[in-house]
Amino acid sequence: MQTGQASRTAYSAARYRAAHQVLEQGSVFRDPLALRMLGADVEDLHADAPRRGMRMFIAARHRFAEDHLAAAVSRGIGQVVVLGAGLDTFAYRNPHPGLQVIEVDHPDTQEWKRQRLAEAGVTIPGGMRHVGVDFERESLADRLRLDAPAFFLWLGVVPYLTSEAFAQTLGFIAGRAGNEVVFDYAQSPERMPAERRAALEARAARVAKIGEPWLTFFEPEEIAADLAERGFGEVEDLGPAGLAARFFNRPDVAPETPGGHVLHARRR
């Protein structure tokens, strides 16, 4: 993102979440605050109907993440860190009493979010923490102090980071036993069939044009090796086939189908 401006891809992700509430009635992921945070007209969101693939991926990644978070809370996790929070609404509809929420994002995006919260009439919960970090220029370790294991929600961020910034942030998460993380990543467009590759490259060109290019791609075996080396276990990585089977009743998608992935890992 550009200094002095809120993240435009954060707005785009929020729009997809809101559109899912309208076009699919939140069938995969319910977010009762999505429309209020976006501040968009319901009828206007019907224009997003053709973008169903990305919309449903975003819905599925949030459902996957918050399902794993609920399981972590049942095991005793008491704090969740939302990395690259954007217009994420979890902190304002948190269903887990006593769970502390820490939102981490670029200061410019945080200021924009505070304005949106005020305009939407959404109250900031007491005890919430906000930490401003530019992931490309600052170390998370220098800005965030935690005194117990935490769950990290890291959605819609990794593809926009350099490999160095990704490694630094993942290293911080790996630094404490018991930490858990959910993040999504993209496989290289070179792995895609021609039609899907063209669509992905067109989207990449759009976000690059607004100053937020995709910088980092991974393959599942590469991520698995990195996580194992850092001491993570209990890894669950769902690609297109796994997401289709779990959330869309589509067991027919070939297991090797490349695309967007979302995974959960727990530091041993």
C-alpha atoms as a PDB file:
ATOM      1  CA  MET A   1       0.000   0.000   0.000  1.00  0.00           C
ATOM      2  CA  GLN A   2       1.019   3.643  -0.389  1.00  0.00           C
ATOM      3  CA  THR A   3       2.007   5.708   2.631  1.00  0.00           C
ATOM      4  CA  GLY A   4      -0.713   8.164   3.599  1.00  0.00           C
ATOM      5  CA  GLN A   5      -3.483   6.109   2.028  1.00  0.00           C
ATOM      6  CA  ALA A   6      -5.670   3.312   3.356  1.00  0.00           C
ATOM      7  CA  SER A   7      -5.306  -0.083   1.738  1.00  0.00           C
ATOM      8  CA  ARG A   8      -7.578  -0.405  -1.298  1.00  0.00           C
ATOM      9  CA  THR A   9      -7.328  -4.183  -1.304  1.00  0.00           C
ATOM     10  CA  ALA A  10      -8.619  -4.123   2.294  1.00  0.00           C
ATOM     11  CA  TYR A  11     -11.681  -2.305   0.990  1.00  0.00           C
ATOM     12  CA  SER A  12     -12.030  -4.850  -1.807  1.00  0.00           C
ATOM     13  CA  ALA A  13     -11.942  -7.772   0.641  1.00  0.00           C
ATOM     14  CA  ALA A  14     -14.557  -6.066   2.811  1.00  0.00           C
ATOM     15  CA  ARG A  15     -16.755  -5.607  -0.242  1.00  0.00           C
ATOM     16  CA  TYR A  16     -16.524  -9.314  -1.066  1.00  0.00           C
ATOM     17  CA  ARG A  17     -17.533 -10.191   2.503  1.00  0.00           C
ATOM     18  CA  ALA A  18     -20.478  -7.818   2.353  1.00  0.00           C
ATOM     19  CA  ALA A  19     -21.540  -9.064  -1.093  1.00  0.00           C
ATOM     20  CA  HIS A  20     -21.554 -12.632   0.232  1.00  0.00           C
ATOM     21  CA  GLN A  21     -24.099 -11.582   2.873  1.00  0.00           C
ATOM     22  CA  VAL A  22     -26.345 -10.207   0.123  1.00  0.00           C
ATOM     23  CA  LEU A  23     -25.842 -12.572  -2.802  1.00  0.00           C
ATOM     24  CA  GLU A  24     -25.537 -15.868  -0.878  1.00  0.00           C
ATOM     25  CA  GLN A  25     -27.197 -14.718   2.365  1.00  0.00           C
ATOM     26  CA  GLY A  26     -23.989 -15.524   4.254  1.00  0.00           C
ATOM     27  CA  SER A  27     -24.430 -19.229   3.575  1.00  0.00           C
ATOM     28  CA  VAL A  28     -20.735 -20.010   4.166  1.00  0.00           C
ATOM     29  CA  PHE A  29     -19.691 -17.170   6.483  1.00  0.00           C
ATOM     30  CA  ARG A  30     -22.061 -15.010   8.502  1.00  0.00           C
ATOM     31  CA  ASP A  31     -20.868 -11.474   9.176  1.00  0.00           C
ATOM     32  CA  PRO A  32     -23.684  -9.248  10.459  1.00  0.00           C
ATOM     33  CA  LEU A  33     -21.417  -6.170  10.504  1.00  0.00           C
ATOM     34  CA  ALA A  34     -20.010  -6.478   6.982  1.00  0.00           C
ATOM     35  CA  LEU A  35     -22.557  -4.208   5.314  1.00  0.00           C
ATOM     36  CA  ARG A  36     -22.385  -1.544   8.025  1.00  0.00           C
ATOM     37  CA  MET A  37     -18.589  -1.423   7.903  1.00  0.00           C
ATOM     38  CA  LEU A  38     -18.548  -1.143   4.131  1.00  0.00           C
ATOM     39  CA  GLY A  39     -21.167   1.592   4.035  1.00  0.00           C
ATOM     40  CA  ALA A  40     -22.350   0.417   0.616  1.00  0.00           C
ATOM     41  CA  ASP A  41     -25.870   0.234  -0.747  1.00  0.00           C
ATOM     42  CA  VAL A  42     -27.268  -3.320  -0.877  1.00  0.00           C
ATOM     43  CA  GLU A  43     -28.389  -2.916  -4.477  1.00  0.00           C
ATOM     44  CA  ASP A  44     -24.930  -1.736  -5.472  1.00  0.00           C
ATOM     45  CA  LEU A  45     -23.451  -5.049  -4.300  1.00  0.00           C
ATOM     46  CA  HIS A  46     -25.445  -6.972  -6.886  1.00  0.00           C
ATOM     47  CA  ALA A  47     -22.896  -5.710  -9.417  1.00  0.00           C
ATOM     48  CA  ASP A  48     -20.433  -8.119  -7.764  1.00  0.00           C
ATOM     49  CA  ALA A  49     -22.426 -11.194  -8.794  1.00  0.00           C
ATOM     50  CA  PRO A  50     -20.014 -12.220 -11.607  1.00  0.00           C
ATOM     51  CA  ARG A  51     -17.062 -12.310  -9.163  1.00  0.00           C
ATOM     52  CA  ARG A  52     -18.380 -15.374  -7.348  1.00  0.00           C
ATOM     53  CA  GLY A  53     -15.102 -17.340  -7.317  1.00  0.00           C
ATOM     54  CA  MET A  54     -13.114 -14.795  -5.329  1.00  0.00           C
ATOM     55  CA  ARG A  55     -16.110 -13.917  -3.160  1.00  0.00           C
ATOM     56  CA  MET A  56     -16.640 -17.516  -2.098  1.00  0.00           C
ATOM     57  CA  PHE A  57     -12.932 -18.086  -1.490  1.00  0.00           C
ATOM     58  CA  ILE A  58     -12.889 -15.116   0.887  1.00  0.00           C
ATOM     59  CA  ALA A  59     -16.010 -16.385   2.657  1.00  0.00           C
ATOM     60  CA  ALA A  60     -14.483 -19.854   3.011  1.00  0.00           C
ATOM     61  CA  ARG A  61     -11.153 -18.593   4.337  1.00  0.00           C
ATOM     62  CA  HIS A  62     -12.909 -16.619   7.092  1.00  0.00           C
ATOM     63  CA  ARG A  63     -15.100 -19.576   8.010  1.00  0.00           C
ATOM     64  CA  PHE A  64     -12.044 -21.856   8.117  1.00  0.00           C
ATOM     65  CA  ALA A  65     -10.129 -19.353  10.254  1.00  0.00           C
ATOM     66  CA  GLU A  66     -12.876 -18.678  12.768  1.00  0.00           C
ATOM     67  CA  ASP A  67     -13.702 -22.390  13.099  1.00  0.00           C
ATOM     68  CA  HIS A  68     -10.072 -23.026  14.035  1.00  0.00           C
ATOM     69  CA  LEU A  69     -10.084 -20.022  16.364  1.00  0.00           C
ATOM     70  CA  ALA A  70     -13.124 -21.375  18.202  1.00  0.00           C
ATOM     71  CA  ALA A  71     -11.330 -24.705  18.671  1.00  0.00           C
ATOM     72  CA  ALA A  72      -8.241 -22.886  19.973  1.00  0.00           C
ATOM     73  CA  VAL A  73     -10.322 -20.924  22.493  1.00  0.00           C
ATOM     74  CA  SER A  74     -11.793 -24.194  23.751  1.00  0.00           C
ATOM     75  CA  ARG A  75      -8.206 -25.360  24.369  1.00  0.00           C
ATOM     76  CA  GLY A  76      -7.446 -22.260  26.434  1.00  0.00           C
ATOM     77  CA  ILE A  77      -6.127 -19.636  23.993  1.00  0.00           C
ATOM     78  CA  GLY A  78      -6.959 -16.235  25.475  1.00  0.00           C
ATOM     79  CA  GLN A  79      -5.801 -13.747  22.846  1.00  0.00           C
ATOM     80  CA  VAL A  80      -6.121 -13.380  19.092  1.00  0.00           C
ATOM     81  CA  VAL A  81      -3.937 -11.139  16.925  1.00  0.00           C
ATOM     82  CA  VAL A  82      -5.505  -9.971  13.659  1.00  0.00           C
ATOM     83  CA  LEU A  83      -2.594  -9.219  11.325  1.00  0.00           C
ATOM     84  CA  GLY A  84      -3.412  -6.840   8.493  1.00  0.00           C
ATOM     85  CA  ALA A  85      -6.837  -6.285  10.047  1.00  0.00           C
ATOM     86  CA  GLY A  86      -8.206  -3.977   7.334  1.00  0.00           C
ATOM     87  CA  LEU A  87     -11.984  -3.755   7.788  1.00  0.00           C
ATOM     88  CA  ASP A  88     -12.182  -7.166   9.486  1.00  0.00           C
ATOM     89  CA  THR A  89     -15.103  -7.232  11.914  1.00  0.00           C
ATOM     90  CA  PHE A  90     -14.212 -10.115  14.238  1.00  0.00           C
ATOM     91  CA  ALA A  91     -13.289  -7.874  17.176  1.00  0.00           C
ATOM     92  CA  TYR A  92     -16.725  -6.194  17.063  1.00  0.00           C
ATOM     93  CA  ARG A  93     -18.781  -9.420  16.989  1.00  0.00           C
ATOM     94  CA  ASN A  94     -16.423 -11.572  19.101  1.00  0.00           C
ATOM     95  CA  PRO A  95     -18.525 -14.467  20.466  1.00  0.00           C
ATOM     96  CA  HIS A  96     -15.879 -15.649  22.965  1.00  0.00           C
ATOM     97  CA  PRO A  97     -16.144 -13.992  26.414  1.00  0.00           C
ATOM     98  CA  GLY A  98     -12.737 -13.068  27.778  1.00  0.00           C
ATOM     99  CA  LEU A  99     -10.906 -13.411  24.467  1.00  0.00           C
ATOM    100  CA  GLN A 100      -8.672 -10.359  23.980  1.00  0.00           C
ATOM    101  CA  VAL A 101      -8.362  -9.041  20.432  1.00  0.00           C
ATOM    102  CA  ILE A 102      -5.301  -7.187  19.129  1.00  0.00           C
ATOM    103  CA  GLU A 103      -5.558  -5.602  15.678  1.00  0.00           C
ATOM    104  CA  VAL A 104      -2.319  -4.986  13.787  1.00  0.00           C
ATOM    105  CA  ASP A 105      -2.168  -2.969  10.588  1.00  0.00           C
ATOM    106  CA  HIS A 106      -0.554  -0.020   8.851  1.00  0.00           C
ATOM    107  CA  PRO A 107      -1.339   3.185  10.811  1.00  0.00           C
ATOM    108  CA  ASP A 108      -3.016   4.795   7.787  1.00  0.00           C
ATOM    109  CA  THR A 109      -5.379   1.850   7.375  1.00  0.00           C
ATOM    110  CA  GLN A 110      -6.097   1.872  11.122  1.00  0.00           C
ATOM    111  CA  GLU A 111      -7.090   5.539  10.995  1.00  0.00           C
ATOM    112  CA  TRP A 112      -9.384   4.838   8.037  1.00  0.00           C
ATOM    113  CA  LYS A 113     -10.972   1.960   9.972  1.00  0.00           C
ATOM    114  CA  ARG A 114     -11.615   4.130  13.017  1.00  0.00           C
ATOM    115  CA  GLN A 115     -13.462   6.567  10.762  1.00  0.00           C
ATOM    116  CA  ARG A 116     -15.519   3.744   9.257  1.00  0.00           C
ATOM    117  CA  LEU A 117     -16.385   2.388  12.725  1.00  0.00           C
ATOM    118  CA  ALA A 118     -17.582   5.813  13.831  1.00  0.00           C
ATOM    119  CA  GLU A 119     -19.626   6.344  10.666  1.00  0.00           C
ATOM    120  CA  ALA A 120     -21.169   2.869  11.012  1.00  0.00           C
ATOM    121  CA  GLY A 121     -21.985   3.363  14.695  1.00  0.00           C
ATOM    122  CA  VAL A 122     -19.904   0.331  15.730  1.00  0.00           C
ATOM    123  CA  THR A 123     -18.469   0.511  19.245  1.00  0.00           C
ATOM    124  CA  ILE A 124     -14.843  -0.445  19.850  1.00  0.00           C
ATOM    125  CA  PRO A 125     -14.855  -3.053  22.653  1.00  0.00           C
ATOM    126  CA  GLY A 126     -13.099  -2.204  25.876  1.00  0.00           C
ATOM    127  CA  GLY A 127      -9.741  -3.894  26.278  1.00  0.00           C
ATOM    128  CA  MET A 128      -9.033  -4.046  22.544  1.00  0.00           C
ATOM    129  CA  ARG A 129      -5.506  -3.169  21.489  1.00  0.00           C
ATOM    130  CA  HIS A 130      -4.364  -1.546  18.255  1.00  0.00           C
ATOM    131  CA  VAL A 131      -0.771  -1.889  17.087  1.00  0.00           C
ATOM    132  CA  GLY A 132       0.466   0.058  14.057  1.00  0.00           C
ATOM    133  CA  VAL A 133       3.053  -1.777  11.937  1.00  0.00           C
ATOM    134  CA  ASP A 134       4.365  -1.380   8.406  1.00  0.00           C
ATOM    135  CA  PHE A 135       5.257  -5.015   7.740  1.00  0.00           C
ATOM    136  CA  GLU A 136       7.797  -4.133   5.041  1.00  0.00           C
ATOM    137  CA  ARG A 137       9.688  -1.576   7.131  1.00  0.00           C
ATOM    138  CA  GLU A 138       9.149  -2.583  10.769  1.00  0.00           C
ATOM    139  CA  SER A 139       9.542  -5.768  12.759  1.00  0.00           C
ATOM    140  CA  LEU A 140       6.440  -7.157  14.432  1.00  0.00           C
ATOM    141  CA  ALA A 141       8.679  -8.266  17.299  1.00  0.00           C
ATOM    142  CA  ASP A 142       9.595  -4.647  18.003  1.00  0.00           C
ATOM    143  CA  ARG A 143       5.978  -3.503  18.219  1.00  0.00           C
ATOM    144  CA  LEU A 144       4.042  -6.386  19.735  1.00  0.00           C
ATOM    145  CA  ARG A 145       4.614  -7.886  23.186  1.00  0.00           C
ATOM    146  CA  LEU A 146       2.683 -11.001  24.177  1.00  0.00           C
ATOM    147  CA  ASP A 147       2.861 -12.801  27.505  1.00  0.00           C
ATOM    148  CA  ALA A 148       1.074 -16.022  26.519  1.00  0.00           C
ATOM    149  CA  PRO A 149       0.327 -18.133  23.421  1.00  0.00           C
ATOM    150  CA  ALA A 150      -1.889 -16.422  20.871  1.00  0.00           C
ATOM    151  CA  PHE A 151      -3.911 -17.225  17.785  1.00  0.00           C
ATOM    152  CA  PHE A 152      -2.921 -15.205  14.701  1.00  0.00           C
ATOM    153  CA  LEU A 153      -5.503 -14.407  12.015  1.00  0.00           C
ATOM    154  CA  TRP A 154      -3.428 -13.464   8.968  1.00  0.00           C
ATOM    155  CA  LEU A 155      -5.842 -13.267   6.051  1.00  0.00           C
ATOM    156  CA  GLY A 156      -5.475 -11.507   2.717  1.00  0.00           C
ATOM    157  CA  VAL A 157      -1.936 -10.339   3.488  1.00  0.00           C
ATOM    158  CA  VAL A 158       0.731 -12.893   2.523  1.00  0.00           C
ATOM    159  CA  PRO A 159       0.571 -12.473  -1.288  1.00  0.00           C
ATOM    160  CA  TYR A 160       1.281  -8.731  -0.885  1.00  0.00           C
ATOM    161  CA  LEU A 161       4.423  -9.243   1.217  1.00  0.00           C
ATOM    162  CA  THR A 162       7.964  -9.791   0.058  1.00  0.00           C
ATOM    163  CA  SER A 163       9.362 -13.201   0.934  1.00  0.00           C
ATOM    164  CA  GLU A 164      11.560 -11.502   3.543  1.00  0.00           C
ATOM    165  CA  ALA A 165       8.621  -9.815   5.287  1.00  0.00           C
ATOM    166  CA  PHE A 166       6.650 -13.074   5.227  1.00  0.00           C
ATOM    167  CA  ALA A 167       9.572 -15.005   6.754  1.00  0.00           C
ATOM    168  CA  GLN A 168      10.103 -12.386   9.457  1.00  0.00           C
ATOM    169  CA  THR A 169       6.448 -12.390  10.521  1.00  0.00           C
ATOM    170  CA  LEU A 170       6.158 -16.179  10.440  1.00  0.00           C
ATOM    171  CA  GLY A 171       9.361 -16.368  12.479  1.00  0.00           C
ATOM    172  CA  PHE A 172       7.800 -14.150  15.129  1.00  0.00           C
ATOM    173  CA  ILE A 173       4.729 -16.391  15.304  1.00  0.00           C
ATOM    174  CA  ALA A 174       6.964 -19.468  15.551  1.00  0.00           C
ATOM    175  CA  GLY A 175       8.816 -17.936  18.480  1.00  0.00           C
ATOM    176  CA  ARG A 176       6.435 -19.199  21.166  1.00  0.00           C
ATOM    177  CA  ALA A 177       5.237 -22.753  21.693  1.00  0.00           C
ATOM    178  CA  GLY A 178       1.456 -22.959  21.570  1.00  0.00           C
ATOM    179  CA  ASN A 179       1.004 -20.117  19.087  1.00  0.00           C
ATOM    180  CA  GLU A 180      -1.415 -20.870  16.251  1.00  0.00           C
ATOM    181  CA  VAL A 181      -1.873 -19.211  12.876  1.00  0.00           C
ATOM    182  CA  VAL A 182      -4.256 -19.225   9.938  1.00  0.00           C
ATOM    183  CA  PHE A 183      -3.101 -17.616   6.708  1.00  0.00           C
ATOM    184  CA  ASP A 184      -3.883 -17.859   3.030  1.00  0.00           C
ATOM    185  CA  TYR A 185      -1.471 -18.000   0.139  1.00  0.00           C
ATOM    186  CA  ALA A 186      -1.541 -18.254  -3.639  1.00  0.00           C
ATOM    187  CA  GLN A 187       0.140 -20.713  -5.935  1.00  0.00           C
ATOM    188  CA  SER A 188       1.993 -19.326  -8.925  1.00  0.00           C
ATOM    189  CA  PRO A 189      -0.130 -18.462 -11.976  1.00  0.00           C
ATOM    190  CA  GLU A 190       2.252 -20.656 -13.957  1.00  0.00           C
ATOM    191  CA  ARG A 191       0.571 -23.684 -12.382  1.00  0.00           C
ATOM    192  CA  MET A 192      -2.877 -22.707 -13.673  1.00  0.00           C
ATOM    193  CA  PRO A 193      -4.699 -23.840 -16.803  1.00  0.00           C
ATOM    194  CA  ALA A 194      -4.696 -21.140 -19.471  1.00  0.00           C
ATOM    195  CA  GLU A 195      -8.159 -19.684 -18.722  1.00  0.00           C
ATOM    196  CA  ARG A 196      -7.644 -19.479 -14.955  1.00  0.00           C
ATOM    197  CA  ARG A 197      -4.126 -18.173 -15.414  1.00  0.00           C
ATOM    198  CA  ALA A 198      -5.411 -15.343 -17.586  1.00  0.00           C
ATOM    199  CA  ALA A 199      -8.045 -14.420 -14.994  1.00  0.00           C
ATOM    200  CA  LEU A 200      -5.503 -14.499 -12.153  1.00  0.00           C
ATOM    201  CA  GLU A 201      -2.991 -12.426 -14.067  1.00  0.00           C
ATOM    202  CA  ALA A 202      -5.697  -9.879 -14.887  1.00  0.00           C
ATOM    203  CA  ARG A 203      -6.541  -9.557 -11.186  1.00  0.00           C
ATOM    204  CA  ALA A 204      -2.854  -9.283 -10.314  1.00  0.00           C
ATOM    205  CA  ALA A 205      -2.515  -6.474 -12.848  1.00  0.00           C
ATOM    206  CA  ARG A 206      -5.462  -4.617 -11.282  1.00  0.00           C
ATOM    207  CA  VAL A 207      -4.056  -4.676  -7.747  1.00  0.00           C
ATOM    208  CA  ALA A 208      -0.588  -3.780  -9.029  1.00  0.00           C
ATOM    209  CA  LYS A 209      -2.077  -0.757 -10.778  1.00  0.00           C
ATOM    210  CA  ILE A 210      -3.413   0.574  -7.465  1.00  0.00           C
ATOM    211  CA  GLY A 211      -0.007   0.118  -5.833  1.00  0.00           C
ATOM    212  CA  GLU A 212      -0.527  -3.196  -4.024  1.00  0.00           C
ATOM    213  CA  PRO A 213       1.051  -5.875  -6.248  1.00  0.00           C
ATOM    214  CA  TRP A 214       1.179  -9.576  -5.515  1.00  0.00           C
ATOM    215  CA  LEU A 215       4.781 -10.316  -4.613  1.00  0.00           C
ATOM    216  CA  THR A 216       4.937 -13.822  -3.175  1.00  0.00           C
ATOM    217  CA  PHE A 217       3.643 -17.208  -4.298  1.00  0.00           C
ATOM    218  CA  PHE A 218       4.146 -20.595  -2.677  1.00  0.00           C
ATOM    219  CA  GLU A 219       3.597 -24.249  -3.442  1.00  0.00           C
ATOM    220  CA  PRO A 220       2.073 -26.524  -0.764  1.00  0.00           C
ATOM    221  CA  GLU A 221       5.188 -28.663  -0.344  1.00  0.00           C
ATOM    222  CA  GLU A 222       7.297 -25.517   0.083  1.00  0.00           C
ATOM    223  CA  ILE A 223       5.030 -24.144   2.820  1.00  0.00           C
ATOM    224  CA  ALA A 224       4.861 -27.537   4.550  1.00  0.00           C
ATOM    225  CA  ALA A 225       8.665 -27.784   4.699  1.00  0.00           C
ATOM    226  CA  ASP A 226       8.999 -24.222   6.030  1.00  0.00           C
ATOM    227  CA  LEU A 227       6.411 -24.788   8.757  1.00  0.00           C
ATOM    228  CA  ALA A 228       7.988 -28.088   9.825  1.00  0.00           C
ATOM    229  CA  GLU A 229      11.419 -26.486  10.034  1.00  0.00           C
ATOM    230  CA  ARG A 230      10.006 -23.770  12.301  1.00  0.00           C
ATOM    231  CA  GLY A 231       8.445 -26.299  14.667  1.00  0.00           C
ATOM    232  CA  PHE A 232       4.824 -26.158  13.566  1.00  0.00           C
ATOM    233  CA  GLY A 233       2.707 -29.302  13.732  1.00  0.00           C
ATOM    234  CA  GLU A 234      -0.953 -30.185  13.217  1.00  0.00           C
ATOM    235  CA  VAL A 235      -0.932 -28.403   9.857  1.00  0.00           C
ATOM    236  CA  GLU A 236      -4.148 -28.362   7.844  1.00  0.00           C
ATOM    237  CA  ASP A 237      -3.788 -26.895   4.340  1.00  0.00           C
ATOM    238  CA  LEU A 238      -6.888 -26.669   2.139  1.00  0.00           C
ATOM    239  CA  GLY A 239      -6.538 -25.810  -1.536  1.00  0.00           C
ATOM    240  CA  PRO A 240      -9.351 -25.584  -4.102  1.00  0.00           C
ATOM    241  CA  ALA A 241     -10.319 -29.254  -3.735  1.00  0.00           C
ATOM    242  CA  GLY A 242     -10.361 -29.205   0.072  1.00  0.00           C
ATOM    243  CA  LEU A 243     -12.292 -25.957   0.274  1.00  0.00           C
ATOM    244  CA  ALA A 244     -14.812 -27.125  -2.323  1.00  0.00           C
ATOM    245  CA  ALA A 245     -15.444 -30.388  -0.479  1.00  0.00           C
ATOM    246  CA  ARG A 246     -15.728 -28.849   2.995  1.00  0.00           C
ATOM    247  CA  PHE A 247     -17.722 -25.707   2.339  1.00  0.00           C
ATOM    248  CA  PHE A 248     -19.484 -26.166  -0.994  1.00  0.00           C
ATOM    249  CA  ASN A 249     -20.412 -29.870  -1.094  1.00  0.00           C
ATOM    250  CA  ARG A 250     -18.171 -30.343  -4.139  1.00  0.00           C
ATOM    251  CA  PRO A 251     -16.124 -33.536  -3.735  1.00  0.00           C
ATOM    252  CA  ASP A 252     -15.550 -33.668  -7.499  1.00  0.00           C
ATOM    253  CA  VAL A 253     -12.709 -31.109  -7.671  1.00  0.00           C
ATOM    254  CA  ALA A 254      -9.429 -32.838  -8.504  1.00  0.00           C
ATOM    255  CA  PRO A 255      -6.997 -32.896  -5.527  1.00  0.00           C
ATOM    256  CA  GLU A 256      -4.137 -31.441  -7.571  1.00  0.00           C
ATOM    257  CA  THR A 257      -6.145 -28.395  -8.720  1.00  0.00           C
ATOM    258  CA  PRO A 258      -3.931 -25.318  -8.158  1.00  0.00           C
ATOM    259  CA  GLY A 259      -5.218 -22.050  -6.711  1.00  0.00           C
ATOM    260  CA  GLY A 260      -5.670 -20.205  -3.452  1.00  0.00           C
ATOM    261  CA  HIS A 261      -4.945 -22.066  -0.190  1.00  0.00           C
ATOM    262  CA  VAL A 262      -5.782 -21.427   3.430  1.00  0.00           C
ATOM    263  CA  LEU A 263      -3.988 -23.251   6.227  1.00  0.00           C
ATOM    264  CA  HIS A 264      -3.877 -23.606   9.990  1.00  0.00           C
ATOM    265  CA  ALA A 265      -0.767 -24.565  11.953  1.00  0.00           C
ATOM    266  CA  ARG A 266       0.060 -24.853  15.631  1.00  0.00           C
ATOM    267  CA  ARG A 267       3.565 -24.349  17.076  1.00  0.00           C
ATOM    268  CA  ARG A 268       4.600 -27.439  18.997  1.00  0.00           C
END
